[in-house]
Amino acid sequence: MSQPFLFLHGLPSKPRVGLPGAGRSFAVVKEQLEALVLQMVRSGIRYGEAVREFRKAFLTKVLAENRGNQCQAAKILGMHRNSLGRTLADLKMDARALRTQMRRPPRGERPAPARRTGSGR
């Protein structure tokens, strides 16, 4: 078995232009992914479980980068927002949890701003 991960060889040689992080070396990311896949295979993780965990991690990162905004995340992922919502439901993920973690507290719960002293008047 000279090429154990044939499915990775179909990846594009260059990242899509305009995406965040597109300037990174795609070859390095591809090597890291192949090493991770090898580690998962050796530890006995089955394909379905690996794909599910990858999808969850990938979507979580993209949603976090967009502060839980599903419309923006869907645009970056190249999918329709309804498809993203359906995928999140299939994976039993709650995007609302990401949004509430990242929001500022309401004005009544924020610490009082420091008062200025030494006015020049």
PDB file of N, CA and C in Angstrom:
ATOM      1  N   MET A   1       0.848  -1.169   0.000  1.00  0.00           N
ATOM      2  CA  MET A   1       0.000   0.000   0.000  1.00  0.00           C
ATOM      3  C   MET A   1       0.889   1.226   0.000  1.00  0.00           C
ATOM      4  N   SER A   2       1.232   1.715  -1.166  1.00  0.00           N
ATOM      5  CA  SER A   2       2.171   2.826  -1.269  1.00  0.00           C
ATOM      6  C   SER A   2       1.521   4.175  -0.984  1.00  0.00           C
ATOM      7  N   GLN A   3       0.231   4.327  -1.264  1.00  0.00           N
ATOM      8  CA  GLN A   3      -0.472   5.579  -1.009  1.00  0.00           C
ATOM      9  C   GLN A   3      -1.691   5.295  -0.131  1.00  0.00           C
ATOM     10  N   PRO A   4      -1.517   5.276   1.210  1.00  0.00           N
ATOM     11  CA  PRO A   4      -2.609   4.868   2.081  1.00  0.00           C
ATOM     12  C   PRO A   4      -3.774   5.842   2.134  1.00  0.00           C
ATOM     13  N   PHE A   5      -3.591   7.091   1.775  1.00  0.00           N
ATOM     14  CA  PHE A   5      -4.664   8.069   1.904  1.00  0.00           C
ATOM     15  C   PHE A   5      -4.978   8.691   0.552  1.00  0.00           C
ATOM     16  N   LEU A   6      -5.516   7.879  -0.324  1.00  0.00           N
ATOM     17  CA  LEU A   6      -5.811   8.340  -1.673  1.00  0.00           C
ATOM     18  C   LEU A   6      -6.811   9.490  -1.688  1.00  0.00           C
ATOM     19  N   PHE A   7      -7.728   9.507  -0.727  1.00  0.00           N
ATOM     20  CA  PHE A   7      -8.736  10.543  -0.742  1.00  0.00           C
ATOM     21  C   PHE A   7      -8.132  11.923  -0.539  1.00  0.00           C
ATOM     22  N   LEU A   8      -6.955  12.035   0.062  1.00  0.00           N
ATOM     23  CA  LEU A   8      -6.310  13.334   0.250  1.00  0.00           C
ATOM     24  C   LEU A   8      -5.615  13.819  -1.011  1.00  0.00           C
ATOM     25  N   HIS A   9      -5.288  12.908  -1.900  1.00  0.00           N
ATOM     26  CA  HIS A   9      -4.581  13.309  -3.111  1.00  0.00           C
ATOM     27  C   HIS A   9      -5.498  14.031  -4.087  1.00  0.00           C
ATOM     28  N   GLY A  10      -6.807  13.993  -3.848  1.00  0.00           N
ATOM     29  CA  GLY A  10      -7.743  14.703  -4.701  1.00  0.00           C
ATOM     30  C   GLY A  10      -7.960  16.147  -4.275  1.00  0.00           C
ATOM     31  N   LEU A  11      -7.324  16.554  -3.175  1.00  0.00           N
ATOM     32  CA  LEU A  11      -7.482  17.924  -2.706  1.00  0.00           C
ATOM     33  C   LEU A  11      -6.825  18.897  -3.678  1.00  0.00           C
ATOM     34  N   PRO A  12      -7.367  20.096  -3.796  1.00  0.00           N
ATOM     35  CA  PRO A  12      -6.747  21.074  -4.698  1.00  0.00           C
ATOM     36  C   PRO A  12      -5.354  21.440  -4.212  1.00  0.00           C
ATOM     37  N   SER A  13      -4.487  21.781  -5.140  1.00  0.00           N
ATOM     38  CA  SER A  13      -3.112  22.108  -4.758  1.00  0.00           C
ATOM     39  C   SER A  13      -3.002  23.504  -4.174  1.00  0.00           C
ATOM     40  N   LYS A  14      -3.996  24.348  -4.396  1.00  0.00           N
ATOM     41  CA  LYS A  14      -3.980  25.714  -3.871  1.00  0.00           C
ATOM     42  C   LYS A  14      -5.283  25.974  -3.120  1.00  0.00           C
ATOM     43  N   PRO A  15      -5.212  26.762  -2.040  1.00  0.00           N
ATOM     44  CA  PRO A  15      -6.442  27.115  -1.340  1.00  0.00           C
ATOM     45  C   PRO A  15      -7.263  28.100  -2.148  1.00  0.00           C
ATOM     46  N   ARG A  16      -8.547  28.187  -1.838  1.00  0.00           N
ATOM     47  CA  ARG A  16      -9.410  29.156  -2.510  1.00  0.00           C
ATOM     48  C   ARG A  16      -9.020  30.557  -2.091  1.00  0.00           C
ATOM     49  N   VAL A  17      -8.934  31.450  -3.050  1.00  0.00           N
ATOM     50  CA  VAL A  17      -8.524  32.830  -2.795  1.00  0.00           C
ATOM     51  C   VAL A  17      -9.639  33.561  -2.075  1.00  0.00           C
ATOM     52  N   GLY A  18      -9.260  34.452  -1.161  1.00  0.00           N
ATOM     53  CA  GLY A  18     -10.227  35.279  -0.483  1.00  0.00           C
ATOM     54  C   GLY A  18     -10.715  34.724   0.836  1.00  0.00           C
ATOM     55  N   LEU A  19     -10.360  33.511   1.165  1.00  0.00           N
ATOM     56  CA  LEU A  19     -10.782  32.931   2.433  1.00  0.00           C
ATOM     57  C   LEU A  19      -9.789  33.290   3.519  1.00  0.00           C
ATOM     58  N   PRO A  20     -10.261  33.422   4.765  1.00  0.00           N
ATOM     59  CA  PRO A  20      -9.329  33.702   5.858  1.00  0.00           C
ATOM     60  C   PRO A  20      -8.296  32.590   5.960  1.00  0.00           C
ATOM     61  N   GLY A  21      -7.038  32.940   6.099  1.00  0.00           N
ATOM     62  CA  GLY A  21      -5.972  31.948   6.232  1.00  0.00           C
ATOM     63  C   GLY A  21      -5.532  31.347   4.911  1.00  0.00           C
ATOM     64  N   ALA A  22      -5.998  31.901   3.783  1.00  0.00           N
ATOM     65  CA  ALA A  22      -5.684  31.323   2.483  1.00  0.00           C
ATOM     66  C   ALA A  22      -4.201  31.442   2.141  1.00  0.00           C
ATOM     67  N   GLY A  23      -3.477  32.321   2.838  1.00  0.00           N
ATOM     68  CA  GLY A  23      -2.069  32.499   2.549  1.00  0.00           C
ATOM     69  C   GLY A  23      -1.181  31.418   3.150  1.00  0.00           C
ATOM     70  N   ARG A  24      -1.747  30.599   4.019  1.00  0.00           N
ATOM     71  CA  ARG A  24      -0.951  29.532   4.631  1.00  0.00           C
ATOM     72  C   ARG A  24      -0.520  28.527   3.588  1.00  0.00           C
ATOM     73  N   SER A  25       0.539  27.847   3.892  1.00  0.00           N
ATOM     74  CA  SER A  25       1.016  26.826   2.972  1.00  0.00           C
ATOM     75  C   SER A  25       0.063  25.638   2.999  1.00  0.00           C
ATOM     76  N   PHE A  26      -0.612  25.413   1.892  1.00  0.00           N
ATOM     77  CA  PHE A  26      -1.592  24.335   1.812  1.00  0.00           C
ATOM     78  C   PHE A  26      -0.905  22.981   1.952  1.00  0.00           C
ATOM     79  N   ALA A  27       0.317  22.864   1.470  1.00  0.00           N
ATOM     80  CA  ALA A  27       1.043  21.595   1.566  1.00  0.00           C
ATOM     81  C   ALA A  27       1.296  21.220   3.018  1.00  0.00           C
ATOM     82  N   VAL A  28       1.581  22.208   3.867  1.00  0.00           N
ATOM     83  CA  VAL A  28       1.823  21.938   5.286  1.00  0.00           C
ATOM     84  C   VAL A  28       0.546  21.454   5.951  1.00  0.00           C
ATOM     85  N   VAL A  29      -0.562  22.110   5.650  1.00  0.00           N
ATOM     86  CA  VAL A  29      -1.847  21.710   6.226  1.00  0.00           C
ATOM     87  C   VAL A  29      -2.205  20.297   5.775  1.00  0.00           C
ATOM     88  N   LYS A  30      -1.955  20.008   4.521  1.00  0.00           N
ATOM     89  CA  LYS A  30      -2.246  18.679   3.979  1.00  0.00           C
ATOM     90  C   LYS A  30      -1.408  17.615   4.691  1.00  0.00           C
ATOM     91  N   GLU A  31      -0.136  17.903   4.927  1.00  0.00           N
ATOM     92  CA  GLU A  31       0.726  16.960   5.656  1.00  0.00           C
ATOM     93  C   GLU A  31       0.236  16.747   7.076  1.00  0.00           C
ATOM     94  N   GLN A  32      -0.180  17.821   7.732  1.00  0.00           N
ATOM     95  CA  GLN A  32      -0.688  17.702   9.100  1.00  0.00           C
ATOM     96  C   GLN A  32      -1.963  16.871   9.126  1.00  0.00           C
ATOM     97  N   LEU A  33      -2.815  17.049   8.141  1.00  0.00           N
ATOM     98  CA  LEU A  33      -4.044  16.279   8.061  1.00  0.00           C
ATOM     99  C   LEU A  33      -3.739  14.804   7.844  1.00  0.00           C
ATOM    100  N   GLU A  34      -2.792  14.500   6.967  1.00  0.00           N
ATOM    101  CA  GLU A  34      -2.417  13.109   6.728  1.00  0.00           C
ATOM    102  C   GLU A  34      -1.850  12.467   7.990  1.00  0.00           C
ATOM    103  N   ALA A  35      -1.054  13.221   8.755  1.00  0.00           N
ATOM    104  CA  ALA A  35      -0.509  12.694  10.002  1.00  0.00           C
ATOM    105  C   ALA A  35      -1.627  12.439  11.015  1.00  0.00           C
ATOM    106  N   LEU A  36      -2.597  13.339  11.081  1.00  0.00           N
ATOM    107  CA  LEU A  36      -3.733  13.164  11.988  1.00  0.00           C
ATOM    108  C   LEU A  36      -4.559  11.948  11.590  1.00  0.00           C
ATOM    109  N   VAL A  37      -4.806  11.778  10.303  1.00  0.00           N
ATOM    110  CA  VAL A  37      -5.574  10.625   9.822  1.00  0.00           C
ATOM    111  C   VAL A  37      -4.843   9.331  10.171  1.00  0.00           C
ATOM    112  N   LEU A  38      -3.542   9.303   9.981  1.00  0.00           N
ATOM    113  CA  LEU A  38      -2.763   8.113  10.324  1.00  0.00           C
ATOM    114  C   LEU A  38      -2.869   7.803  11.812  1.00  0.00           C
ATOM    115  N   GLN A  39      -2.781   8.817  12.642  1.00  0.00           N
ATOM    116  CA  GLN A  39      -2.905   8.641  14.093  1.00  0.00           C
ATOM    117  C   GLN A  39      -4.295   8.103  14.451  1.00  0.00           C
ATOM    118  N   MET A  40      -5.325   8.608  13.803  1.00  0.00           N
ATOM    119  CA  MET A  40      -6.690   8.152  14.073  1.00  0.00           C
ATOM    120  C   MET A  40      -6.878   6.705  13.645  1.00  0.00           C
ATOM    121  N   VAL A  41      -6.341   6.341  12.499  1.00  0.00           N
ATOM    122  CA  VAL A  41      -6.453   4.969  12.007  1.00  0.00           C
ATOM    123  C   VAL A  41      -5.760   4.015  12.969  1.00  0.00           C
ATOM    124  N   ARG A  42      -4.563   4.380  13.391  1.00  0.00           N
ATOM    125  CA  ARG A  42      -3.794   3.520  14.297  1.00  0.00           C
ATOM    126  C   ARG A  42      -4.441   3.385  15.674  1.00  0.00           C
ATOM    127  N   SER A  43      -5.221   4.395  16.077  1.00  0.00           N
ATOM    128  CA  SER A  43      -5.860   4.318  17.392  1.00  0.00           C
ATOM    129  C   SER A  43      -7.240   3.650  17.325  1.00  0.00           C
ATOM    130  N   GLY A  44      -7.635   3.210  16.144  1.00  0.00           N
ATOM    131  CA  GLY A  44      -8.867   2.432  16.013  1.00  0.00           C
ATOM    132  C   GLY A  44     -10.132   3.244  15.830  1.00  0.00           C
ATOM    133  N   ILE A  45     -10.014   4.498  15.480  1.00  0.00           N
ATOM    134  CA  ILE A  45     -11.198   5.331  15.264  1.00  0.00           C
ATOM    135  C   ILE A  45     -11.783   4.977  13.901  1.00  0.00           C
ATOM    136  N   ARG A  46     -13.061   4.701  13.885  1.00  0.00           N
ATOM    137  CA  ARG A  46     -13.731   4.301  12.646  1.00  0.00           C
ATOM    138  C   ARG A  46     -14.016   5.514  11.768  1.00  0.00           C
ATOM    139  N   TYR A  47     -14.194   5.250  10.488  1.00  0.00           N
ATOM    140  CA  TYR A  47     -14.380   6.311   9.499  1.00  0.00           C
ATOM    141  C   TYR A  47     -15.545   7.233   9.840  1.00  0.00           C
ATOM    142  N   GLY A  48     -16.703   6.682  10.118  1.00  0.00           N
ATOM    143  CA  GLY A  48     -17.883   7.492  10.404  1.00  0.00           C
ATOM    144  C   GLY A  48     -17.680   8.403  11.599  1.00  0.00           C
ATOM    145  N   GLU A  49     -17.065   7.879  12.647  1.00  0.00           N
ATOM    146  CA  GLU A  49     -16.795   8.683  13.841  1.00  0.00           C
ATOM    147  C   GLU A  49     -15.787   9.794  13.537  1.00  0.00           C
ATOM    148  N   ALA A  50     -14.773   9.466  12.757  1.00  0.00           N
ATOM    149  CA  ALA A  50     -13.746  10.451  12.408  1.00  0.00           C
ATOM    150  C   ALA A  50     -14.349  11.591  11.581  1.00  0.00           C
ATOM    151  N   VAL A  51     -15.174  11.250  10.611  1.00  0.00           N
ATOM    152  CA  VAL A  51     -15.804  12.261   9.756  1.00  0.00           C
ATOM    153  C   VAL A  51     -16.719  13.148  10.591  1.00  0.00           C
ATOM    154  N   ARG A  52     -17.497  12.541  11.481  1.00  0.00           N
ATOM    155  CA  ARG A  52     -18.419  13.309  12.331  1.00  0.00           C
ATOM    156  C   ARG A  52     -17.641  14.297  13.212  1.00  0.00           C
ATOM    157  N   GLU A  53     -16.575  13.825  13.840  1.00  0.00           N
ATOM    158  CA  GLU A  53     -15.790  14.692  14.717  1.00  0.00           C
ATOM    159  C   GLU A  53     -15.092  15.796  13.935  1.00  0.00           C
ATOM    160  N   PHE A  54     -14.610  15.474  12.731  1.00  0.00           N
ATOM    161  CA  PHE A  54     -13.983  16.497  11.896  1.00  0.00           C
ATOM    162  C   PHE A  54     -14.997  17.576  11.518  1.00  0.00           C
ATOM    163  N   ARG A  55     -16.183  17.146  11.099  1.00  0.00           N
ATOM    164  CA  ARG A  55     -17.216  18.110  10.704  1.00  0.00           C
ATOM    165  C   ARG A  55     -17.589  19.016  11.872  1.00  0.00           C
ATOM    166  N   LYS A  56     -17.747  18.420  13.050  1.00  0.00           N
ATOM    167  CA  LYS A  56     -18.104  19.218  14.225  1.00  0.00           C
ATOM    168  C   LYS A  56     -17.006  20.229  14.553  1.00  0.00           C
ATOM    169  N   ALA A  57     -15.752  19.788  14.544  1.00  0.00           N
ATOM    170  CA  ALA A  57     -14.637  20.683  14.861  1.00  0.00           C
ATOM    171  C   ALA A  57     -14.516  21.791  13.819  1.00  0.00           C
ATOM    172  N   PHE A  58     -14.653  21.435  12.553  1.00  0.00           N
ATOM    173  CA  PHE A  58     -14.526  22.400  11.459  1.00  0.00           C
ATOM    174  C   PHE A  58     -15.619  23.457  11.553  1.00  0.00           C
ATOM    175  N   LEU A  59     -16.862  23.008  11.729  1.00  0.00           N
ATOM    176  CA  LEU A  59     -17.976  23.944  11.811  1.00  0.00           C
ATOM    177  C   LEU A  59     -17.890  24.815  13.060  1.00  0.00           C
ATOM    178  N   THR A  60     -17.450  24.238  14.165  1.00  0.00           N
ATOM    179  CA  THR A  60     -17.306  25.016  15.395  1.00  0.00           C
ATOM    180  C   THR A  60     -16.299  26.134  15.208  1.00  0.00           C
ATOM    181  N   LYS A  61     -15.175  25.835  14.573  1.00  0.00           N
ATOM    182  CA  LYS A  61     -14.147  26.860  14.352  1.00  0.00           C
ATOM    183  C   LYS A  61     -14.650  27.964  13.424  1.00  0.00           C
ATOM    184  N   VAL A  62     -15.317  27.589  12.343  1.00  0.00           N
ATOM    185  CA  VAL A  62     -15.811  28.599  11.402  1.00  0.00           C
ATOM    186  C   VAL A  62     -16.881  29.459  12.073  1.00  0.00           C
ATOM    187  N   LEU A  63     -17.775  28.840  12.829  1.00  0.00           N
ATOM    188  CA  LEU A  63     -18.800  29.611  13.540  1.00  0.00           C
ATOM    189  C   LEU A  63     -18.167  30.514  14.593  1.00  0.00           C
ATOM    190  N   ALA A  64     -17.158  30.040  15.294  1.00  0.00           N
ATOM    191  CA  ALA A  64     -16.497  30.861  16.309  1.00  0.00           C
ATOM    192  C   ALA A  64     -15.805  32.059  15.657  1.00  0.00           C
ATOM    193  N   GLU A  65     -15.192  31.843  14.511  1.00  0.00           N
ATOM    194  CA  GLU A  65     -14.531  32.935  13.795  1.00  0.00           C
ATOM    195  C   GLU A  65     -15.532  34.005  13.366  1.00  0.00           C
ATOM    196  N   ASN A  66     -16.784  33.599  13.205  1.00  0.00           N
ATOM    197  CA  ASN A  66     -17.834  34.518  12.766  1.00  0.00           C
ATOM    198  C   ASN A  66     -18.809  34.840  13.889  1.00  0.00           C
ATOM    199  N   ARG A  67     -18.378  34.650  15.116  1.00  0.00           N
ATOM    200  CA  ARG A  67     -19.159  34.967  16.316  1.00  0.00           C
ATOM    201  C   ARG A  67     -20.548  34.364  16.279  1.00  0.00           C
ATOM    202  N   GLY A  68     -20.649  33.128  15.762  1.00  0.00           N
ATOM    203  CA  GLY A  68     -21.916  32.414  15.731  1.00  0.00           C
ATOM    204  C   GLY A  68     -22.852  32.825  14.612  1.00  0.00           C
ATOM    205  N   ASN A  69     -22.409  33.719  13.727  1.00  0.00           N
ATOM    206  CA  ASN A  69     -23.250  34.185  12.624  1.00  0.00           C
ATOM    207  C   ASN A  69     -23.288  33.110  11.534  1.00  0.00           C
ATOM    208  N   GLN A  70     -24.438  32.446  11.427  1.00  0.00           N
ATOM    209  CA  GLN A  70     -24.564  31.341  10.481  1.00  0.00           C
ATOM    210  C   GLN A  70     -24.528  31.798   9.026  1.00  0.00           C
ATOM    211  N   CYS A  71     -25.046  32.985   8.738  1.00  0.00           N
ATOM    212  CA  CYS A  71     -25.017  33.474   7.350  1.00  0.00           C
ATOM    213  C   CYS A  71     -23.585  33.685   6.873  1.00  0.00           C
ATOM    214  N   GLN A  72     -22.776  34.342   7.705  1.00  0.00           N
ATOM    215  CA  GLN A  72     -21.374  34.564   7.342  1.00  0.00           C
ATOM    216  C   GLN A  72     -20.616  33.245   7.277  1.00  0.00           C
ATOM    217  N   ALA A  73     -20.856  32.359   8.234  1.00  0.00           N
ATOM    218  CA  ALA A  73     -20.164  31.069   8.251  1.00  0.00           C
ATOM    219  C   ALA A  73     -20.513  30.260   7.002  1.00  0.00           C
ATOM    220  N   ALA A  74     -21.782  30.250   6.636  1.00  0.00           N
ATOM    221  CA  ALA A  74     -22.206  29.503   5.446  1.00  0.00           C
ATOM    222  C   ALA A  74     -21.533  30.031   4.194  1.00  0.00           C
ATOM    223  N   LYS A  75     -21.396  31.360   4.102  1.00  0.00           N
ATOM    224  CA  LYS A  75     -20.737  31.961   2.941  1.00  0.00           C
ATOM    225  C   LYS A  75     -19.290  31.492   2.847  1.00  0.00           C
ATOM    226  N   ILE A  76     -18.583  31.485   3.978  1.00  0.00           N
ATOM    227  CA  ILE A  76     -17.188  31.042   3.992  1.00  0.00           C
ATOM    228  C   ILE A  76     -17.087  29.558   3.652  1.00  0.00           C
ATOM    229  N   LEU A  77     -18.042  28.773   4.132  1.00  0.00           N
ATOM    230  CA  LEU A  77     -18.037  27.332   3.872  1.00  0.00           C
ATOM    231  C   LEU A  77     -18.475  26.987   2.457  1.00  0.00           C
ATOM    232  N   GLY A  78     -19.061  27.962   1.751  1.00  0.00           N
ATOM    233  CA  GLY A  78     -19.519  27.702   0.383  1.00  0.00           C
ATOM    234  C   GLY A  78     -20.811  26.903   0.352  1.00  0.00           C
ATOM    235  N   MET A  79     -21.668  27.127   1.351  1.00  0.00           N
ATOM    236  CA  MET A  79     -22.934  26.410   1.391  1.00  0.00           C
ATOM    237  C   MET A  79     -24.056  27.394   1.728  1.00  0.00           C
ATOM    238  N   HIS A  80     -25.281  26.992   1.490  1.00  0.00           N
ATOM    239  CA  HIS A  80     -26.427  27.826   1.823  1.00  0.00           C
ATOM    240  C   HIS A  80     -26.643  27.788   3.328  1.00  0.00           C
ATOM    241  N   ARG A  81     -27.162  28.875   3.887  1.00  0.00           N
ATOM    242  CA  ARG A  81     -27.335  28.933   5.345  1.00  0.00           C
ATOM    243  C   ARG A  81     -28.320  27.886   5.838  1.00  0.00           C
ATOM    244  N   ASN A  82     -29.328  27.541   5.021  1.00  0.00           N
ATOM    245  CA  ASN A  82     -30.265  26.481   5.424  1.00  0.00           C
ATOM    246  C   ASN A  82     -29.568  25.130   5.492  1.00  0.00           C
ATOM    247  N   SER A  83     -28.648  24.892   4.559  1.00  0.00           N
ATOM    248  CA  SER A  83     -27.882  23.641   4.586  1.00  0.00           C
ATOM    249  C   SER A  83     -26.995  23.588   5.821  1.00  0.00           C
ATOM    250  N   LEU A  84     -26.413  24.725   6.182  1.00  0.00           N
ATOM    251  CA  LEU A  84     -25.588  24.773   7.392  1.00  0.00           C
ATOM    252  C   LEU A  84     -26.453  24.484   8.615  1.00  0.00           C
ATOM    253  N   GLY A  85     -27.614  25.101   8.694  1.00  0.00           N
ATOM    254  CA  GLY A  85     -28.511  24.849   9.818  1.00  0.00           C
ATOM    255  C   GLY A  85     -28.917  23.391   9.911  1.00  0.00           C
ATOM    256  N   ARG A  86     -29.208  22.778   8.776  1.00  0.00           N
ATOM    257  CA  ARG A  86     -29.578  21.363   8.741  1.00  0.00           C
ATOM    258  C   ARG A  86     -28.412  20.490   9.175  1.00  0.00           C
ATOM    259  N   THR A  87     -27.198  20.842   8.724  1.00  0.00           N
ATOM    260  CA  THR A  87     -26.009  20.091   9.102  1.00  0.00           C
ATOM    261  C   THR A  87     -25.759  20.198  10.604  1.00  0.00           C
ATOM    262  N   LEU A  88     -25.936  21.401  11.149  1.00  0.00           N
ATOM    263  CA  LEU A  88     -25.768  21.582  12.590  1.00  0.00           C
ATOM    264  C   LEU A  88     -26.778  20.738  13.359  1.00  0.00           C
ATOM    265  N   ALA A  89     -28.008  20.691  12.867  1.00  0.00           N
ATOM    266  CA  ALA A  89     -29.037  19.881  13.524  1.00  0.00           C
ATOM    267  C   ALA A  89     -28.686  18.396  13.446  1.00  0.00           C
ATOM    268  N   ASP A  90     -28.201  17.947  12.280  1.00  0.00           N
ATOM    269  CA  ASP A  90     -27.804  16.538  12.123  1.00  0.00           C
ATOM    270  C   ASP A  90     -26.694  16.156  13.090  1.00  0.00           C
ATOM    271  N   LEU A  91     -25.773  17.101  13.326  1.00  0.00           N
ATOM    272  CA  LEU A  91     -24.649  16.848  14.231  1.00  0.00           C
ATOM    273  C   LEU A  91     -24.991  17.165  15.686  1.00  0.00           C
ATOM    274  N   LYS A  92     -26.252  17.547  15.910  1.00  0.00           N
ATOM    275  CA  LYS A  92     -26.729  17.903  17.257  1.00  0.00           C
ATOM    276  C   LYS A  92     -25.887  19.015  17.881  1.00  0.00           C
ATOM    277  N   MET A  93     -25.615  20.031  17.056  1.00  0.00           N
ATOM    278  CA  MET A  93     -24.858  21.196  17.496  1.00  0.00           C
ATOM    279  C   MET A  93     -25.813  22.377  17.639  1.00  0.00           C
ATOM    280  N   ASP A  94     -25.541  23.256  18.593  1.00  0.00           N
ATOM    281  CA  ASP A  94     -26.379  24.416  18.831  1.00  0.00           C
ATOM    282  C   ASP A  94     -25.551  25.681  18.610  1.00  0.00           C
ATOM    283  N   ALA A  95     -25.803  26.370  17.513  1.00  0.00           N
ATOM    284  CA  ALA A  95     -25.056  27.595  17.208  1.00  0.00           C
ATOM    285  C   ALA A  95     -25.408  28.702  18.185  1.00  0.00           C
ATOM    286  N   ARG A  96     -26.598  28.644  18.784  1.00  0.00           N
ATOM    287  CA  ARG A  96     -26.982  29.667  19.761  1.00  0.00           C
ATOM    288  C   ARG A  96     -26.036  29.678  20.949  1.00  0.00           C
ATOM    289  N   ALA A  97     -25.525  28.513  21.321  1.00  0.00           N
ATOM    290  CA  ALA A  97     -24.586  28.447  22.445  1.00  0.00           C
ATOM    291  C   ALA A  97     -23.326  29.243  22.129  1.00  0.00           C
ATOM    292  N   LEU A  98     -22.871  29.198  20.887  1.00  0.00           N
ATOM    293  CA  LEU A  98     -21.698  29.977  20.493  1.00  0.00           C
ATOM    294  C   LEU A  98     -21.992  31.465  20.553  1.00  0.00           C
ATOM    295  N   ARG A  99     -23.171  31.863  20.097  1.00  0.00           N
ATOM    296  CA  ARG A  99     -23.517  33.283  20.096  1.00  0.00           C
ATOM    297  C   ARG A  99     -23.603  33.831  21.510  1.00  0.00           C
ATOM    298  N   THR A 100     -24.208  33.086  22.431  1.00  0.00           N
ATOM    299  CA  THR A 100     -24.375  33.600  23.790  1.00  0.00           C
ATOM    300  C   THR A 100     -23.045  33.640  24.531  1.00  0.00           C
ATOM    301  N   GLN A 101     -22.121  32.758  24.202  1.00  0.00           N
ATOM    302  CA  GLN A 101     -20.807  32.767  24.848  1.00  0.00           C
ATOM    303  C   GLN A 101     -20.014  33.994  24.429  1.00  0.00           C
ATOM    304  N   MET A 102     -20.268  34.521  23.255  1.00  0.00           N
ATOM    305  CA  MET A 102     -19.443  35.584  22.709  1.00  0.00           C
ATOM    306  C   MET A 102     -20.058  36.975  22.886  1.00  0.00           C
ATOM    307  N   ARG A 103     -21.269  37.041  23.354  1.00  0.00           N
ATOM    308  CA  ARG A 103     -21.920  38.340  23.501  1.00  0.00           C
ATOM    309  C   ARG A 103     -21.430  39.081  24.730  1.00  0.00           C
ATOM    310  N   ARG A 104     -21.509  40.404  24.638  1.00  0.00           N
ATOM    311  CA  ARG A 104     -21.217  41.228  25.806  1.00  0.00           C
ATOM    312  C   ARG A 104     -22.382  41.088  26.770  1.00  0.00           C
ATOM    313  N   PRO A 105     -22.132  41.231  28.057  1.00  0.00           N
ATOM    314  CA  PRO A 105     -23.251  41.181  29.007  1.00  0.00           C
ATOM    315  C   PRO A 105     -24.134  42.417  28.834  1.00  0.00           C
ATOM    316  N   PRO A 106     -25.394  42.325  29.233  1.00  0.00           N
ATOM    317  CA  PRO A 106     -26.275  43.501  29.148  1.00  0.00           C
ATOM    318  C   PRO A 106     -25.712  44.657  29.972  1.00  0.00           C
ATOM    319  N   ARG A 107     -26.107  45.878  29.644  1.00  0.00           N
ATOM    320  CA  ARG A 107     -25.564  47.062  30.312  1.00  0.00           C
ATOM    321  C   ARG A 107     -25.677  46.982  31.829  1.00  0.00           C
ATOM    322  N   GLY A 108     -26.777  46.466  32.330  1.00  0.00           N
ATOM    323  CA  GLY A 108     -26.977  46.377  33.769  1.00  0.00           C
ATOM    324  C   GLY A 108     -26.012  45.422  34.459  1.00  0.00           C
ATOM    325  N   GLU A 109     -25.430  44.482  33.702  1.00  0.00           N
ATOM    326  CA  GLU A 109     -24.523  43.494  34.284  1.00  0.00           C
ATOM    327  C   GLU A 109     -23.054  43.822  34.041  1.00  0.00           C
ATOM    328  N   ARG A 110     -22.773  44.882  33.291  1.00  0.00           N
ATOM    329  CA  ARG A 110     -21.381  45.262  33.009  1.00  0.00           C
ATOM    330  C   ARG A 110     -20.808  46.007  34.212  1.00  0.00           C
ATOM    331  N   PRO A 111     -19.492  45.893  34.418  1.00  0.00           N
ATOM    332  CA  PRO A 111     -18.885  46.674  35.485  1.00  0.00           C
ATOM    333  C   PRO A 111     -18.953  48.169  35.155  1.00  0.00           C
ATOM    334  N   ALA A 112     -19.088  48.980  36.193  1.00  0.00           N
ATOM    335  CA  ALA A 112     -19.187  50.419  35.986  1.00  0.00           C
ATOM    336  C   ALA A 112     -17.876  50.954  35.430  1.00  0.00           C
ATOM    337  N   PRO A 113     -17.942  51.866  34.448  1.00  0.00           N
ATOM    338  CA  PRO A 113     -16.703  52.436  33.900  1.00  0.00           C
ATOM    339  C   PRO A 113     -16.003  53.292  34.953  1.00  0.00           C
ATOM    340  N   ALA A 114     -14.701  53.384  34.867  1.00  0.00           N
ATOM    341  CA  ALA A 114     -13.925  54.195  35.813  1.00  0.00           C
ATOM    342  C   ALA A 114     -14.225  55.668  35.584  1.00  0.00           C
ATOM    343  N   ARG A 115     -14.368  56.393  36.664  1.00  0.00           N
ATOM    344  CA  ARG A 115     -14.668  57.833  36.559  1.00  0.00           C
ATOM    345  C   ARG A 115     -13.369  58.601  36.289  1.00  0.00           C
ATOM    346  N   ARG A 116     -13.482  59.625  35.495  1.00  0.00           N
ATOM    347  CA  ARG A 116     -12.332  60.488  35.204  1.00  0.00           C
ATOM    348  C   ARG A 116     -12.115  61.443  36.385  1.00  0.00           C
ATOM    349  N   THR A 117     -10.862  61.670  36.698  1.00  0.00           N
ATOM    350  CA  THR A 117     -10.550  62.607  37.773  1.00  0.00           C
ATOM    351  C   THR A 117      -9.643  63.702  37.240  1.00  0.00           C
ATOM    352  N   GLY A 118      -9.605  64.825  37.946  1.00  0.00           N
ATOM    353  CA  GLY A 118      -8.679  65.897  37.569  1.00  0.00           C
ATOM    354  C   GLY A 118      -9.133  66.682  36.380  1.00  0.00           C
ATOM    355  N   SER A 119     -10.384  67.085  36.340  1.00  0.00           N
ATOM    356  CA  SER A 119     -10.850  67.873  35.199  1.00  0.00           C
ATOM    357  C   SER A 119     -10.171  69.234  35.205  1.00  0.00           C
ATOM    358  N   GLY A 120      -9.876  69.765  34.073  1.00  0.00           N
ATOM    359  CA  GLY A 120      -9.120  71.012  33.932  1.00  0.00           C
ATOM    360  C   GLY A 120      -9.950  72.254  34.090  1.00  0.00           C
ATOM    361  N   ARG A 121     -11.152  72.177  34.550  1.00  0.00           N
ATOM    362  CA  ARG A 121     -12.014  73.364  34.662  1.00  0.00           C
ATOM    363  C   ARG A 121     -12.003  73.937  36.026  1.00  0.00           C
TER     364      ARG A 121
END
